[in-house]
Amino acid sequence: MIAIREEIRAIEQGKLPKNDNPLKNAPHTTTVIAGEWNRPYSRTQAAFPMADQKGFKFWPSVSRIDDTYGDSNLVCACPPMSDYQ
């Protein structure tokens, strides 16, 4: 939480842009980190925002699509309850 607050502070102070920063673009996948890089922050900051993550990093399989739309509008692909009878 402290590291996230520091990233927010950097945005507030204008050190990072509001629309292209590590928080806005999280999570950073291995494909994103290994691909072409044209962001205003370093790959290291994107991949390892805290130094102790280097040995225990969880790499997400995909990055966000449509920002937080998918987080807020969940779709259930489950079969109907009648199929379980």
C-alpha atoms as a PDB file:
ATOM      1  CA  MET A   1       0.000   0.000   0.000  1.00  0.00           C
ATOM      2  CA  ILE A   2       2.868   2.343   0.741  1.00  0.00           C
ATOM      3  CA  ALA A   3       4.403   1.725  -2.700  1.00  0.00           C
ATOM      4  CA  ILE A   4       1.050   2.353  -4.389  1.00  0.00           C
ATOM      5  CA  ARG A   5       0.683   5.605  -2.464  1.00  0.00           C
ATOM      6  CA  GLU A   6       4.124   6.684  -3.661  1.00  0.00           C
ATOM      7  CA  GLU A   7       3.077   6.021  -7.273  1.00  0.00           C
ATOM      8  CA  ILE A   8      -0.077   8.091  -6.706  1.00  0.00           C
ATOM      9  CA  ARG A   9       2.050  10.891  -5.225  1.00  0.00           C
ATOM     10  CA  ALA A  10       4.285  10.872  -8.323  1.00  0.00           C
ATOM     11  CA  ILE A  11       1.171  11.369 -10.466  1.00  0.00           C
ATOM     12  CA  GLU A  12      -0.113  14.127  -8.199  1.00  0.00           C
ATOM     13  CA  GLN A  13       3.232  15.924  -8.376  1.00  0.00           C
ATOM     14  CA  GLY A  14       3.315  15.691 -12.170  1.00  0.00           C
ATOM     15  CA  LYS A  15       6.294  13.324 -12.291  1.00  0.00           C
ATOM     16  CA  LEU A  16       4.133  10.814 -14.188  1.00  0.00           C
ATOM     17  CA  PRO A  17       1.251  11.608 -16.549  1.00  0.00           C
ATOM     18  CA  LYS A  18      -2.299  10.889 -15.398  1.00  0.00           C
ATOM     19  CA  ASN A  19      -3.174   8.825 -18.469  1.00  0.00           C
ATOM     20  CA  ASP A  20       0.024   6.759 -18.899  1.00  0.00           C
ATOM     21  CA  ASN A  21       1.502   5.546 -15.622  1.00  0.00           C
ATOM     22  CA  PRO A  22       2.274   2.256 -13.854  1.00  0.00           C
ATOM     23  CA  LEU A  23      -1.067   2.255 -12.007  1.00  0.00           C
ATOM     24  CA  LYS A  24      -3.162   2.976 -15.088  1.00  0.00           C
ATOM     25  CA  ASN A  25      -1.408   0.295 -17.148  1.00  0.00           C
ATOM     26  CA  ALA A  26      -1.170  -2.402 -14.473  1.00  0.00           C
ATOM     27  CA  PRO A  27      -0.770  -5.289 -14.574  1.00  0.00           C
ATOM     28  CA  HIS A  28       2.268  -5.421 -16.858  1.00  0.00           C
ATOM     29  CA  THR A  29       2.591  -8.838 -18.499  1.00  0.00           C
ATOM     30  CA  THR A  30       5.786 -10.456 -19.719  1.00  0.00           C
ATOM     31  CA  THR A  31       4.710  -9.684 -23.293  1.00  0.00           C
ATOM     32  CA  VAL A  32       4.338  -5.995 -22.474  1.00  0.00           C
ATOM     33  CA  ILE A  33       7.663  -5.847 -20.625  1.00  0.00           C
ATOM     34  CA  ALA A  34       9.537  -7.703 -23.395  1.00  0.00           C
ATOM     35  CA  GLY A  35       7.909  -5.806 -26.282  1.00  0.00           C
ATOM     36  CA  GLU A  36       8.411  -2.336 -27.659  1.00  0.00           C
ATOM     37  CA  TRP A  37       8.609   0.173 -24.807  1.00  0.00           C
ATOM     38  CA  ASN A  38       7.412   3.757 -25.244  1.00  0.00           C
ATOM     39  CA  ARG A  39       6.173   4.563 -21.765  1.00  0.00           C
ATOM     40  CA  PRO A  40       7.260   7.511 -19.576  1.00  0.00           C
ATOM     41  CA  TYR A  41       8.454   5.118 -16.840  1.00  0.00           C
ATOM     42  CA  SER A  42      11.026   2.347 -16.895  1.00  0.00           C
ATOM     43  CA  ARG A  43      10.436  -1.345 -17.534  1.00  0.00           C
ATOM     44  CA  THR A  44      11.932  -2.034 -14.114  1.00  0.00           C
ATOM     45  CA  GLN A  45       9.381   0.233 -12.443  1.00  0.00           C
ATOM     46  CA  ALA A  46       6.608  -1.534 -14.356  1.00  0.00           C
ATOM     47  CA  ALA A  47       7.777  -5.078 -13.691  1.00  0.00           C
ATOM     48  CA  PHE A  48       9.159  -4.682 -10.173  1.00  0.00           C
ATOM     49  CA  PRO A  49       7.591  -1.687  -8.418  1.00  0.00           C
ATOM     50  CA  MET A  50       9.119  -2.924  -5.161  1.00  0.00           C
ATOM     51  CA  ALA A  51      12.695  -4.206  -5.042  1.00  0.00           C
ATOM     52  CA  ASP A  52      11.821  -7.346  -3.065  1.00  0.00           C
ATOM     53  CA  GLN A  53       9.517  -8.557  -5.864  1.00  0.00           C
ATOM     54  CA  LYS A  54      12.419  -9.548  -8.107  1.00  0.00           C
ATOM     55  CA  GLY A  55      12.619 -13.030  -6.616  1.00  0.00           C
ATOM     56  CA  PHE A  56       8.909 -13.636  -6.148  1.00  0.00           C
ATOM     57  CA  LYS A  57       7.158 -11.895  -9.052  1.00  0.00           C
ATOM     58  CA  PHE A  58       3.717 -13.108 -10.166  1.00  0.00           C
ATOM     59  CA  TRP A  59       3.325 -12.571 -13.897  1.00  0.00           C
ATOM     60  CA  PRO A  60      -0.314 -12.169 -14.968  1.00  0.00           C
ATOM     61  CA  SER A  61      -1.270 -13.954 -18.179  1.00  0.00           C
ATOM     62  CA  VAL A  62      -3.118 -10.960 -19.637  1.00  0.00           C
ATOM     63  CA  SER A  63      -3.307  -7.229 -19.066  1.00  0.00           C
ATOM     64  CA  ARG A  64      -6.474  -5.229 -18.627  1.00  0.00           C
ATOM     65  CA  ILE A  65      -8.865  -4.826 -21.517  1.00  0.00           C
ATOM     66  CA  ASP A  66     -10.986  -1.658 -21.596  1.00  0.00           C
ATOM     67  CA  ASP A  67      -9.372  -0.485 -18.351  1.00  0.00           C
ATOM     68  CA  THR A  68     -11.608  -1.529 -15.447  1.00  0.00           C
ATOM     69  CA  TYR A  69     -14.721  -2.315 -17.514  1.00  0.00           C
ATOM     70  CA  GLY A  70     -14.111  -6.050 -17.188  1.00  0.00           C
ATOM     71  CA  ASP A  71     -13.608  -5.752 -13.440  1.00  0.00           C
ATOM     72  CA  SER A  72     -16.901  -3.891 -12.987  1.00  0.00           C
ATOM     73  CA  ASN A  73     -19.060  -5.780 -15.499  1.00  0.00           C
ATOM     74  CA  LEU A  74     -18.558  -9.460 -14.878  1.00  0.00           C
ATOM     75  CA  VAL A  75     -20.063 -11.999 -17.258  1.00  0.00           C
ATOM     76  CA  CYS A  76     -20.900 -15.478 -16.039  1.00  0.00           C
ATOM     77  CA  ALA A  77     -20.403 -18.236 -18.606  1.00  0.00           C
ATOM     78  CA  CYS A  78     -21.750 -20.881 -16.228  1.00  0.00           C
ATOM     79  CA  PRO A  79     -24.458 -23.278 -17.379  1.00  0.00           C
ATOM     80  CA  PRO A  80     -27.912 -22.737 -15.837  1.00  0.00           C
ATOM     81  CA  MET A  81     -28.673 -24.435 -12.507  1.00  0.00           C
ATOM     82  CA  SER A  82     -31.093 -26.812 -14.257  1.00  0.00           C
ATOM     83  CA  ASP A  83     -28.115 -28.452 -16.024  1.00  0.00           C
ATOM     84  CA  TYR A  84     -26.799 -29.646 -12.656  1.00  0.00           C
ATOM     85  CA  GLN A  85     -29.881 -31.726 -11.761  1.00  0.00           C
END
